[in-house]
Amino acid sequence: MKFHNDGADCFIPDSVSLNAALARTTHLGIGAHQDDLEMMAFHGIASCFHSRLHWFMGLTCTDGAGSLRAGAYRDYAADALQRVRRSEQRAAAAIGRYSAMVQLDYSSNAIRSGFCQPLVNDLRQLLLAAVPAVVYTHSLADRHGTHVAVALHVIRALRELPEAQQPQCVYGCEIWGSLDWLGFPITIKWCWM
């Protein structure tokens, strides 16, 4: 499988082939950042943990360079933070017994600044190979701009799939700030669907 970014990373905790890992995937979490999946797709991770029939696959779209620099990470350069975030996400995949963990390595800016056809192509390629029954992604009412942009790209990729390969369920998950998201104005700037 060839992705747009050379830095894209595929990690398979139990070392089966990528094709085998994709083929067994039943639940797919598509998040913007390395710390999103374990919150928004916990239902899928827990449903698949130790299951013989269900497998969770994680997909992170961004490279981690824009992560918060506080506490122990205060003095980290962007490239060092990217390595740390990638390593953390691989560790989460191993602990959670994911079928696979794919990190597509896009900058947040590349995703947020408008329609990104390469991201849609990468997402569609993975969705076609995995054909998950359940997909978790961000809510369109999320406060975080990169989360909303990822959700829009996921929707675009899903709409390009043949009907027979559409997931049975797609969940838009809120993980940014308070769950009381009705207390602020919602502005969606993209109209390219």
N, C-alpha and C. Protein backbone atom coordinates (compact mmCIF):
# COMPACT_ATOMS: atom_id res chain seq x y z
N MET A 1 0.85 -1.17 0.00
CA MET A 1 0.00 0.00 0.00
C MET A 1 0.90 1.24 0.00
N LYS A 2 0.60 2.16 -0.87
CA LYS A 2 1.40 3.38 -1.02
C LYS A 2 0.57 4.57 -0.56
N PHE A 3 1.15 5.35 0.37
CA PHE A 3 0.49 6.55 0.87
C PHE A 3 1.14 7.79 0.30
N HIS A 4 0.44 8.91 0.37
CA HIS A 4 0.94 10.17 -0.19
C HIS A 4 2.24 10.63 0.48
N ASN A 5 2.31 10.54 1.79
CA ASN A 5 3.49 11.01 2.53
C ASN A 5 4.48 9.89 2.76
N ASP A 6 5.72 10.14 2.44
CA ASP A 6 6.77 9.13 2.65
C ASP A 6 6.93 8.77 4.12
N GLY A 7 6.57 9.68 5.02
CA GLY A 7 6.71 9.43 6.44
C GLY A 7 5.55 8.66 7.06
N ALA A 8 4.57 8.25 6.26
CA ALA A 8 3.44 7.48 6.78
C ALA A 8 3.96 6.19 7.41
N ASP A 9 3.29 5.76 8.47
CA ASP A 9 3.76 4.63 9.26
C ASP A 9 2.64 3.62 9.47
N CYS A 10 2.94 2.35 9.20
CA CYS A 10 2.00 1.27 9.47
C CYS A 10 2.63 0.35 10.51
N PHE A 11 1.95 0.19 11.62
CA PHE A 11 2.43 -0.66 12.70
C PHE A 11 1.39 -1.74 12.97
N ILE A 12 1.83 -2.99 12.98
CA ILE A 12 0.94 -4.12 13.23
C ILE A 12 1.47 -4.86 14.46
N PRO A 13 0.80 -4.70 15.60
CA PRO A 13 1.33 -5.24 16.85
C PRO A 13 1.64 -6.73 16.85
N ASP A 14 0.84 -7.54 16.14
CA ASP A 14 1.10 -8.98 16.16
C ASP A 14 1.85 -9.46 14.91
N SER A 15 2.37 -8.52 14.13
CA SER A 15 3.28 -8.80 13.01
C SER A 15 2.69 -9.60 11.85
N VAL A 16 1.36 -9.64 11.70
CA VAL A 16 0.81 -10.24 10.48
C VAL A 16 1.06 -9.26 9.34
N SER A 17 0.78 -9.66 8.12
CA SER A 17 0.97 -8.75 6.98
C SER A 17 -0.06 -7.62 7.05
N LEU A 18 0.25 -6.50 6.39
CA LEU A 18 -0.68 -5.38 6.37
C LEU A 18 -2.00 -5.81 5.73
N ASN A 19 -1.94 -6.59 4.66
CA ASN A 19 -3.18 -7.05 4.01
C ASN A 19 -4.03 -7.87 4.96
N ALA A 20 -3.41 -8.76 5.74
CA ALA A 20 -4.15 -9.57 6.70
C ALA A 20 -4.73 -8.70 7.81
N ALA A 21 -3.96 -7.71 8.28
CA ALA A 21 -4.45 -6.82 9.33
C ALA A 21 -5.64 -6.00 8.85
N LEU A 22 -5.58 -5.53 7.61
CA LEU A 22 -6.70 -4.76 7.06
C LEU A 22 -7.92 -5.64 6.85
N ALA A 23 -7.71 -6.83 6.34
CA ALA A 23 -8.83 -7.74 6.03
C ALA A 23 -9.61 -8.14 7.28
N ARG A 24 -8.96 -8.22 8.43
CA ARG A 24 -9.66 -8.65 9.65
C ARG A 24 -10.29 -7.48 10.41
N THR A 25 -10.03 -6.24 9.98
CA THR A 25 -10.54 -5.05 10.69
C THR A 25 -12.06 -4.97 10.60
N THR A 26 -12.69 -4.81 11.76
CA THR A 26 -14.14 -4.63 11.82
C THR A 26 -14.52 -3.24 12.33
N HIS A 27 -13.64 -2.63 13.13
CA HIS A 27 -13.87 -1.31 13.72
C HIS A 27 -12.67 -0.43 13.38
N LEU A 28 -12.94 0.76 12.85
CA LEU A 28 -11.87 1.67 12.43
C LEU A 28 -12.07 3.03 13.08
N GLY A 29 -11.05 3.50 13.79
CA GLY A 29 -11.07 4.84 14.36
C GLY A 29 -10.17 5.74 13.53
N ILE A 30 -10.71 6.86 13.05
CA ILE A 30 -9.95 7.82 12.24
C ILE A 30 -9.90 9.13 13.01
N GLY A 31 -8.72 9.45 13.53
CA GLY A 31 -8.55 10.65 14.33
C GLY A 31 -7.55 11.61 13.71
N ALA A 32 -7.60 12.83 14.18
CA ALA A 32 -6.67 13.85 13.71
C ALA A 32 -5.30 13.68 14.34
N HIS A 33 -5.28 13.51 15.66
CA HIS A 33 -4.04 13.54 16.43
C HIS A 33 -3.78 12.22 17.15
N GLN A 34 -2.55 12.05 17.58
CA GLN A 34 -2.15 10.81 18.23
C GLN A 34 -2.84 10.56 19.57
N ASP A 35 -3.42 11.55 20.19
CA ASP A 35 -4.10 11.31 21.47
C ASP A 35 -5.62 11.29 21.34
N ASP A 36 -6.15 11.20 20.12
CA ASP A 36 -7.59 11.25 19.92
C ASP A 36 -8.29 9.89 20.01
N LEU A 37 -7.71 8.88 19.42
CA LEU A 37 -8.40 7.60 19.26
C LEU A 37 -8.83 6.95 20.56
N GLU A 38 -7.94 6.96 21.54
CA GLU A 38 -8.23 6.26 22.78
C GLU A 38 -9.36 6.90 23.57
N MET A 39 -9.70 8.14 23.24
CA MET A 39 -10.86 8.79 23.85
C MET A 39 -12.10 8.59 22.98
N MET A 40 -12.02 8.95 21.73
CA MET A 40 -13.23 8.96 20.91
C MET A 40 -13.65 7.57 20.43
N ALA A 41 -12.74 6.65 20.32
CA ALA A 41 -13.08 5.32 19.80
C ALA A 41 -12.92 4.24 20.87
N PHE A 42 -13.00 4.64 22.14
CA PHE A 42 -12.84 3.67 23.22
C PHE A 42 -13.82 2.52 23.08
N HIS A 43 -15.04 2.82 22.67
CA HIS A 43 -16.05 1.77 22.49
C HIS A 43 -15.53 0.70 21.54
N GLY A 44 -14.98 1.10 20.41
CA GLY A 44 -14.45 0.13 19.44
C GLY A 44 -13.24 -0.62 19.96
N ILE A 45 -12.34 0.09 20.62
CA ILE A 45 -11.14 -0.55 21.19
C ILE A 45 -11.56 -1.60 22.21
N ALA A 46 -12.46 -1.24 23.12
CA ALA A 46 -12.91 -2.16 24.16
C ALA A 46 -13.70 -3.33 23.58
N SER A 47 -14.51 -3.08 22.55
CA SER A 47 -15.31 -4.13 21.93
C SER A 47 -14.42 -5.18 21.25
N CYS A 48 -13.27 -4.76 20.77
CA CYS A 48 -12.39 -5.65 20.03
C CYS A 48 -11.30 -6.29 20.89
N PHE A 49 -11.05 -5.72 22.05
CA PHE A 49 -9.97 -6.21 22.91
C PHE A 49 -10.24 -7.66 23.30
N HIS A 50 -9.32 -8.54 22.98
CA HIS A 50 -9.41 -9.98 23.25
C HIS A 50 -10.53 -10.68 22.48
N SER A 51 -11.11 -10.05 21.49
CA SER A 51 -12.16 -10.70 20.70
C SER A 51 -11.51 -11.54 19.60
N ARG A 52 -12.15 -12.63 19.29
CA ARG A 52 -11.68 -13.46 18.17
C ARG A 52 -12.37 -13.07 16.86
N LEU A 53 -13.45 -12.32 16.98
CA LEU A 53 -14.24 -11.96 15.81
C LEU A 53 -14.08 -10.50 15.38
N HIS A 54 -13.72 -9.63 16.32
CA HIS A 54 -13.66 -8.20 16.03
C HIS A 54 -12.25 -7.67 16.24
N TRP A 55 -11.85 -6.77 15.34
CA TRP A 55 -10.51 -6.17 15.40
C TRP A 55 -10.62 -4.67 15.19
N PHE A 56 -9.95 -3.91 16.04
CA PHE A 56 -9.90 -2.46 15.93
C PHE A 56 -8.64 -2.03 15.18
N MET A 57 -8.80 -1.09 14.27
CA MET A 57 -7.66 -0.48 13.59
C MET A 57 -7.70 1.02 13.85
N GLY A 58 -6.56 1.59 14.18
CA GLY A 58 -6.46 3.03 14.39
C GLY A 58 -5.81 3.72 13.21
N LEU A 59 -6.27 4.93 12.93
CA LEU A 59 -5.70 5.72 11.84
C LEU A 59 -5.59 7.16 12.34
N THR A 60 -4.38 7.68 12.37
CA THR A 60 -4.14 9.07 12.77
C THR A 60 -3.68 9.84 11.54
N CYS A 61 -4.30 10.98 11.30
CA CYS A 61 -4.02 11.74 10.07
C CYS A 61 -2.82 12.67 10.17
N THR A 62 -2.56 13.26 11.33
CA THR A 62 -1.51 14.28 11.43
C THR A 62 -0.19 13.71 11.95
N ASP A 63 0.85 14.53 11.83
CA ASP A 63 2.21 14.09 12.15
C ASP A 63 2.64 14.35 13.60
N GLY A 64 1.86 15.07 14.38
CA GLY A 64 2.19 15.32 15.78
C GLY A 64 3.07 16.53 16.02
N ALA A 65 3.50 17.21 14.96
CA ALA A 65 4.41 18.35 15.12
C ALA A 65 3.76 19.52 15.84
N GLY A 66 2.45 19.63 15.76
CA GLY A 66 1.75 20.74 16.39
C GLY A 66 1.27 20.44 17.80
N SER A 67 1.71 19.34 18.37
CA SER A 67 1.27 18.95 19.72
C SER A 67 1.63 20.02 20.75
N LEU A 68 0.85 20.03 21.80
CA LEU A 68 1.06 20.98 22.90
C LEU A 68 2.44 20.78 23.51
N ARG A 69 3.16 21.87 23.68
CA ARG A 69 4.49 21.82 24.29
C ARG A 69 4.39 22.40 25.69
N ALA A 70 4.13 21.51 26.64
CA ALA A 70 4.04 21.89 28.04
C ALA A 70 4.67 20.79 28.89
N GLY A 71 4.96 21.12 30.13
CA GLY A 71 5.52 20.13 31.04
C GLY A 71 6.80 19.53 30.49
N ALA A 72 6.88 18.21 30.48
CA ALA A 72 8.08 17.51 30.02
C ALA A 72 8.39 17.77 28.55
N TYR A 73 7.40 18.20 27.77
CA TYR A 73 7.59 18.42 26.33
C TYR A 73 7.86 19.88 25.97
N ARG A 74 8.00 20.74 26.96
CA ARG A 74 8.14 22.18 26.75
C ARG A 74 9.25 22.55 25.77
N ASP A 75 10.39 21.89 25.85
CA ASP A 75 11.55 22.26 25.04
C ASP A 75 11.75 21.38 23.81
N TYR A 76 10.77 20.57 23.46
CA TYR A 76 10.92 19.66 22.33
C TYR A 76 10.78 20.41 21.00
N ALA A 77 11.67 20.12 20.07
CA ALA A 77 11.54 20.62 18.69
C ALA A 77 10.45 19.79 17.99
N ALA A 78 9.94 20.31 16.89
CA ALA A 78 8.84 19.64 16.18
C ALA A 78 9.19 18.21 15.78
N ASP A 79 10.39 17.98 15.24
CA ASP A 79 10.75 16.63 14.79
C ASP A 79 10.87 15.66 15.98
N ALA A 80 11.38 16.13 17.11
CA ALA A 80 11.48 15.27 18.29
C ALA A 80 10.09 14.93 18.83
N LEU A 81 9.19 15.91 18.81
CA LEU A 81 7.83 15.68 19.28
C LEU A 81 7.10 14.70 18.36
N GLN A 82 7.35 14.81 17.05
CA GLN A 82 6.76 13.86 16.11
C GLN A 82 7.17 12.42 16.45
N ARG A 83 8.45 12.22 16.73
CA ARG A 83 8.94 10.87 17.07
C ARG A 83 8.29 10.36 18.36
N VAL A 84 8.16 11.24 19.35
CA VAL A 84 7.54 10.85 20.61
C VAL A 84 6.08 10.47 20.39
N ARG A 85 5.34 11.29 19.68
CA ARG A 85 3.91 11.03 19.44
C ARG A 85 3.72 9.73 18.65
N ARG A 86 4.55 9.49 17.65
CA ARG A 86 4.46 8.25 16.87
C ARG A 86 4.70 7.04 17.78
N SER A 87 5.71 7.15 18.61
CA SER A 87 6.04 6.07 19.53
C SER A 87 4.91 5.83 20.53
N GLU A 88 4.33 6.90 21.07
CA GLU A 88 3.21 6.77 22.00
C GLU A 88 2.02 6.08 21.34
N GLN A 89 1.74 6.43 20.07
CA GLN A 89 0.59 5.83 19.40
C GLN A 89 0.83 4.35 19.10
N ARG A 90 2.07 4.01 18.77
CA ARG A 90 2.41 2.60 18.57
C ARG A 90 2.25 1.83 19.88
N ALA A 91 2.67 2.42 20.99
CA ALA A 91 2.54 1.76 22.29
C ALA A 91 1.06 1.54 22.63
N ALA A 92 0.22 2.54 22.37
CA ALA A 92 -1.22 2.40 22.61
C ALA A 92 -1.80 1.27 21.77
N ALA A 93 -1.35 1.15 20.52
CA ALA A 93 -1.82 0.08 19.64
C ALA A 93 -1.40 -1.29 20.16
N ALA A 94 -0.21 -1.39 20.67
CA ALA A 94 0.26 -2.67 21.22
C ALA A 94 -0.53 -3.03 22.48
N ILE A 95 -0.71 -2.07 23.38
CA ILE A 95 -1.46 -2.33 24.61
C ILE A 95 -2.91 -2.67 24.30
N GLY A 96 -3.51 -1.94 23.34
CA GLY A 96 -4.90 -2.15 22.97
C GLY A 96 -5.13 -3.32 22.04
N ARG A 97 -4.06 -3.98 21.60
CA ARG A 97 -4.15 -5.13 20.69
C ARG A 97 -4.87 -4.78 19.40
N TYR A 98 -4.51 -3.64 18.83
CA TYR A 98 -5.11 -3.22 17.56
C TYR A 98 -4.72 -4.18 16.45
N SER A 99 -5.55 -4.25 15.45
CA SER A 99 -5.20 -5.00 14.26
C SER A 99 -4.05 -4.30 13.55
N ALA A 100 -4.12 -2.97 13.49
CA ALA A 100 -3.06 -2.15 12.87
C ALA A 100 -3.21 -0.73 13.36
N MET A 101 -2.12 0.02 13.25
CA MET A 101 -2.12 1.45 13.56
C MET A 101 -1.42 2.14 12.40
N VAL A 102 -2.16 2.99 11.69
CA VAL A 102 -1.62 3.72 10.54
C VAL A 102 -1.56 5.20 10.90
N GLN A 103 -0.42 5.82 10.67
CA GLN A 103 -0.24 7.25 10.89
C GLN A 103 0.15 7.88 9.56
N LEU A 104 -0.72 8.74 9.03
CA LEU A 104 -0.56 9.24 7.66
C LEU A 104 0.41 10.41 7.52
N ASP A 105 0.79 11.07 8.61
CA ASP A 105 1.89 12.04 8.60
C ASP A 105 1.61 13.34 7.86
N TYR A 106 0.35 13.80 7.85
CA TYR A 106 0.03 15.11 7.28
C TYR A 106 0.24 16.19 8.34
N SER A 107 0.58 17.38 7.92
CA SER A 107 0.61 18.50 8.87
C SER A 107 -0.84 18.91 9.15
N SER A 108 -1.08 19.42 10.34
CA SER A 108 -2.43 19.91 10.66
C SER A 108 -2.84 21.00 9.68
N ASN A 109 -1.91 21.86 9.32
CA ASN A 109 -2.20 22.95 8.39
C ASN A 109 -2.64 22.43 7.03
N ALA A 110 -2.02 21.37 6.53
CA ALA A 110 -2.39 20.81 5.22
C ALA A 110 -3.82 20.31 5.22
N ILE A 111 -4.27 19.80 6.36
CA ILE A 111 -5.62 19.26 6.47
C ILE A 111 -6.64 20.37 6.72
N ARG A 112 -6.28 21.34 7.54
CA ARG A 112 -7.18 22.42 7.95
C ARG A 112 -7.38 23.48 6.88
N SER A 113 -6.43 23.64 5.99
CA SER A 113 -6.47 24.79 5.08
C SER A 113 -7.42 24.61 3.90
N GLY A 114 -8.15 23.54 3.83
CA GLY A 114 -9.10 23.33 2.75
C GLY A 114 -9.08 21.89 2.31
N PHE A 115 -9.69 21.63 1.18
CA PHE A 115 -9.79 20.27 0.67
C PHE A 115 -8.41 19.71 0.33
N CYS A 116 -8.11 18.51 0.83
CA CYS A 116 -6.82 17.85 0.62
C CYS A 116 -7.08 16.51 -0.07
N GLN A 117 -7.05 16.50 -1.39
CA GLN A 117 -7.34 15.28 -2.16
C GLN A 117 -6.41 14.12 -1.79
N PRO A 118 -5.10 14.35 -1.56
CA PRO A 118 -4.25 13.22 -1.16
C PRO A 118 -4.73 12.53 0.12
N LEU A 119 -5.22 13.29 1.09
CA LEU A 119 -5.75 12.68 2.31
C LEU A 119 -6.98 11.84 2.00
N VAL A 120 -7.89 12.36 1.19
CA VAL A 120 -9.08 11.60 0.80
C VAL A 120 -8.66 10.31 0.10
N ASN A 121 -7.67 10.39 -0.77
CA ASN A 121 -7.20 9.20 -1.48
C ASN A 121 -6.64 8.16 -0.51
N ASP A 122 -5.84 8.61 0.46
CA ASP A 122 -5.27 7.69 1.46
C ASP A 122 -6.39 7.05 2.29
N LEU A 123 -7.35 7.85 2.71
CA LEU A 123 -8.47 7.33 3.50
C LEU A 123 -9.29 6.32 2.70
N ARG A 124 -9.61 6.67 1.46
CA ARG A 124 -10.41 5.78 0.61
C ARG A 124 -9.69 4.45 0.38
N GLN A 125 -8.38 4.52 0.12
CA GLN A 125 -7.58 3.32 -0.09
C GLN A 125 -7.66 2.39 1.13
N LEU A 126 -7.54 2.96 2.33
CA LEU A 126 -7.61 2.15 3.55
C LEU A 126 -9.03 1.62 3.80
N LEU A 127 -10.03 2.44 3.55
CA LEU A 127 -11.41 1.99 3.73
C LEU A 127 -11.77 0.86 2.76
N LEU A 128 -11.29 0.94 1.54
CA LEU A 128 -11.55 -0.12 0.55
C LEU A 128 -10.85 -1.42 0.92
N ALA A 129 -9.67 -1.31 1.49
CA ALA A 129 -8.92 -2.52 1.87
C ALA A 129 -9.46 -3.16 3.14
N ALA A 130 -9.92 -2.32 4.08
CA ALA A 130 -10.38 -2.85 5.37
C ALA A 130 -11.86 -3.21 5.38
N VAL A 131 -12.68 -2.42 4.71
CA VAL A 131 -14.14 -2.55 4.72
C VAL A 131 -14.67 -2.75 6.15
N PRO A 132 -14.42 -1.78 7.03
CA PRO A 132 -14.89 -1.91 8.41
C PRO A 132 -16.41 -1.80 8.51
N ALA A 133 -16.98 -2.49 9.48
CA ALA A 133 -18.42 -2.38 9.73
C ALA A 133 -18.73 -1.10 10.49
N VAL A 134 -17.77 -0.64 11.32
CA VAL A 134 -17.99 0.53 12.18
C VAL A 134 -16.82 1.49 11.99
N VAL A 135 -17.14 2.78 11.83
CA VAL A 135 -16.11 3.82 11.72
C VAL A 135 -16.41 4.89 12.78
N TYR A 136 -15.36 5.27 13.49
CA TYR A 136 -15.41 6.37 14.46
C TYR A 136 -14.55 7.50 13.92
N THR A 137 -15.06 8.71 13.93
CA THR A 137 -14.26 9.87 13.58
C THR A 137 -14.76 11.05 14.42
N HIS A 138 -14.27 12.23 14.11
CA HIS A 138 -14.65 13.41 14.88
C HIS A 138 -16.05 13.90 14.51
N SER A 139 -16.65 14.63 15.42
CA SER A 139 -17.94 15.25 15.20
C SER A 139 -17.77 16.52 14.36
N LEU A 140 -18.74 16.79 13.51
CA LEU A 140 -18.71 18.04 12.74
C LEU A 140 -18.95 19.26 13.64
N ALA A 141 -19.44 19.04 14.84
CA ALA A 141 -19.67 20.14 15.78
C ALA A 141 -18.52 20.31 16.77
N ASP A 142 -17.40 19.68 16.51
CA ASP A 142 -16.23 19.76 17.38
C ASP A 142 -15.68 21.18 17.37
N ARG A 143 -15.05 21.60 18.45
CA ARG A 143 -14.47 22.95 18.53
C ARG A 143 -13.11 23.04 17.85
N HIS A 144 -12.43 21.94 17.68
CA HIS A 144 -11.05 21.94 17.16
C HIS A 144 -11.09 21.90 15.63
N GLY A 145 -10.48 22.88 14.99
CA GLY A 145 -10.52 22.98 13.53
C GLY A 145 -9.97 21.77 12.79
N THR A 146 -8.90 21.18 13.31
CA THR A 146 -8.32 20.02 12.63
C THR A 146 -9.25 18.81 12.77
N HIS A 147 -9.93 18.68 13.90
CA HIS A 147 -10.89 17.59 14.08
C HIS A 147 -12.01 17.69 13.04
N VAL A 148 -12.57 18.88 12.89
CA VAL A 148 -13.65 19.08 11.92
C VAL A 148 -13.15 18.80 10.49
N ALA A 149 -11.95 19.27 10.18
CA ALA A 149 -11.40 19.05 8.84
C ALA A 149 -11.21 17.56 8.57
N VAL A 150 -10.73 16.81 9.55
CA VAL A 150 -10.59 15.36 9.37
C VAL A 150 -11.95 14.73 9.14
N ALA A 151 -12.96 15.11 9.94
CA ALA A 151 -14.30 14.55 9.76
C ALA A 151 -14.82 14.81 8.35
N LEU A 152 -14.62 16.01 7.83
CA LEU A 152 -15.06 16.33 6.48
C LEU A 152 -14.35 15.47 5.42
N HIS A 153 -13.06 15.25 5.61
CA HIS A 153 -12.31 14.40 4.67
C HIS A 153 -12.76 12.94 4.77
N VAL A 154 -13.07 12.48 5.97
CA VAL A 154 -13.57 11.12 6.14
C VAL A 154 -14.91 10.96 5.43
N ILE A 155 -15.80 11.93 5.60
CA ILE A 155 -17.11 11.88 4.94
C ILE A 155 -16.92 11.85 3.43
N ARG A 156 -16.03 12.67 2.92
CA ARG A 156 -15.78 12.68 1.47
C ARG A 156 -15.29 11.31 0.99
N ALA A 157 -14.35 10.71 1.72
CA ALA A 157 -13.83 9.38 1.35
C ALA A 157 -14.94 8.33 1.42
N LEU A 158 -15.77 8.38 2.45
CA LEU A 158 -16.87 7.42 2.58
C LEU A 158 -17.86 7.54 1.44
N ARG A 159 -18.11 8.76 1.02
CA ARG A 159 -19.08 8.98 -0.08
C ARG A 159 -18.56 8.47 -1.41
N GLU A 160 -17.25 8.31 -1.52
CA GLU A 160 -16.65 7.80 -2.76
C GLU A 160 -16.58 6.28 -2.81
N LEU A 161 -16.97 5.61 -1.73
CA LEU A 161 -16.94 4.15 -1.70
C LEU A 161 -18.16 3.57 -2.41
N PRO A 162 -18.00 2.41 -3.05
CA PRO A 162 -19.18 1.72 -3.59
C PRO A 162 -20.14 1.38 -2.44
N GLU A 163 -21.41 1.34 -2.73
CA GLU A 163 -22.42 1.11 -1.69
C GLU A 163 -22.16 -0.19 -0.91
N ALA A 164 -21.72 -1.23 -1.58
CA ALA A 164 -21.48 -2.51 -0.92
C ALA A 164 -20.32 -2.45 0.08
N GLN A 165 -19.48 -1.43 -0.01
CA GLN A 165 -18.34 -1.31 0.88
C GLN A 165 -18.49 -0.19 1.91
N GLN A 166 -19.69 0.34 2.02
CA GLN A 166 -19.97 1.36 3.03
C GLN A 166 -20.05 0.70 4.40
N PRO A 167 -19.56 1.37 5.46
CA PRO A 167 -19.70 0.82 6.80
C PRO A 167 -21.17 0.81 7.23
N GLN A 168 -21.49 -0.07 8.17
CA GLN A 168 -22.85 -0.14 8.70
C GLN A 168 -23.14 1.04 9.61
N CYS A 169 -22.12 1.51 10.35
CA CYS A 169 -22.28 2.61 11.30
C CYS A 169 -21.10 3.56 11.20
N VAL A 170 -21.38 4.85 11.26
CA VAL A 170 -20.34 5.87 11.33
C VAL A 170 -20.70 6.78 12.51
N TYR A 171 -19.77 6.91 13.45
CA TYR A 171 -20.00 7.73 14.64
C TYR A 171 -19.12 8.97 14.60
N GLY A 172 -19.73 10.13 14.80
CA GLY A 172 -19.00 11.38 14.96
C GLY A 172 -18.84 11.64 16.44
N CYS A 173 -17.61 11.70 16.92
CA CYS A 173 -17.34 11.74 18.36
C CYS A 173 -16.76 13.09 18.78
N GLU A 174 -17.25 13.62 19.88
CA GLU A 174 -16.78 14.88 20.44
C GLU A 174 -15.75 14.59 21.52
N ILE A 175 -14.56 15.17 21.40
CA ILE A 175 -13.55 14.96 22.43
C ILE A 175 -12.85 16.24 22.84
N TRP A 176 -13.20 17.35 22.27
CA TRP A 176 -12.49 18.59 22.53
C TRP A 176 -13.27 19.44 23.51
N GLY A 177 -12.75 19.66 24.70
CA GLY A 177 -13.39 20.52 25.68
C GLY A 177 -14.66 19.90 26.23
N SER A 178 -15.57 20.72 26.65
CA SER A 178 -16.81 20.29 27.25
C SER A 178 -17.70 19.61 26.22
N LEU A 179 -18.48 18.65 26.68
CA LEU A 179 -19.45 18.02 25.79
C LEU A 179 -20.67 18.91 25.58
N ASP A 180 -20.75 20.01 26.29
CA ASP A 180 -21.84 20.96 26.12
C ASP A 180 -21.49 21.90 24.97
N TRP A 181 -21.46 21.37 23.77
CA TRP A 181 -20.99 22.12 22.61
C TRP A 181 -22.03 23.08 22.04
N LEU A 182 -23.21 23.10 22.58
CA LEU A 182 -24.23 24.01 22.05
C LEU A 182 -24.06 25.44 22.54
N GLY A 183 -23.13 25.67 23.46
CA GLY A 183 -22.97 26.99 24.04
C GLY A 183 -22.07 27.93 23.24
N PHE A 184 -21.67 27.57 22.03
CA PHE A 184 -20.82 28.45 21.24
C PHE A 184 -21.30 28.42 19.78
N PRO A 185 -21.02 29.47 19.03
CA PRO A 185 -21.46 29.49 17.62
C PRO A 185 -20.65 28.49 16.79
N ILE A 186 -21.31 27.83 15.87
CA ILE A 186 -20.66 26.86 15.00
C ILE A 186 -20.50 27.47 13.61
N THR A 187 -19.27 27.47 13.11
CA THR A 187 -19.00 27.95 11.77
C THR A 187 -18.24 26.87 11.01
N ILE A 188 -18.77 26.41 9.91
CA ILE A 188 -18.07 25.45 9.06
C ILE A 188 -17.74 26.18 7.77
N LYS A 189 -16.46 26.28 7.46
CA LYS A 189 -16.01 27.08 6.33
C LYS A 189 -15.92 26.32 5.02
N TRP A 190 -15.94 25.00 5.07
CA TRP A 190 -15.72 24.22 3.86
C TRP A 190 -17.02 23.91 3.17
N CYS A 191 -17.07 24.04 1.88
CA CYS A 191 -18.27 23.75 1.11
C CYS A 191 -17.91 22.87 -0.09
N TRP A 192 -16.89 22.05 0.03
CA TRP A 192 -16.43 21.27 -1.11
C TRP A 192 -16.97 19.87 -1.14
N MET A 193 -17.94 19.54 -0.33
CA MET A 193 -18.53 18.20 -0.34
C MET A 193 -19.40 18.11 -1.55
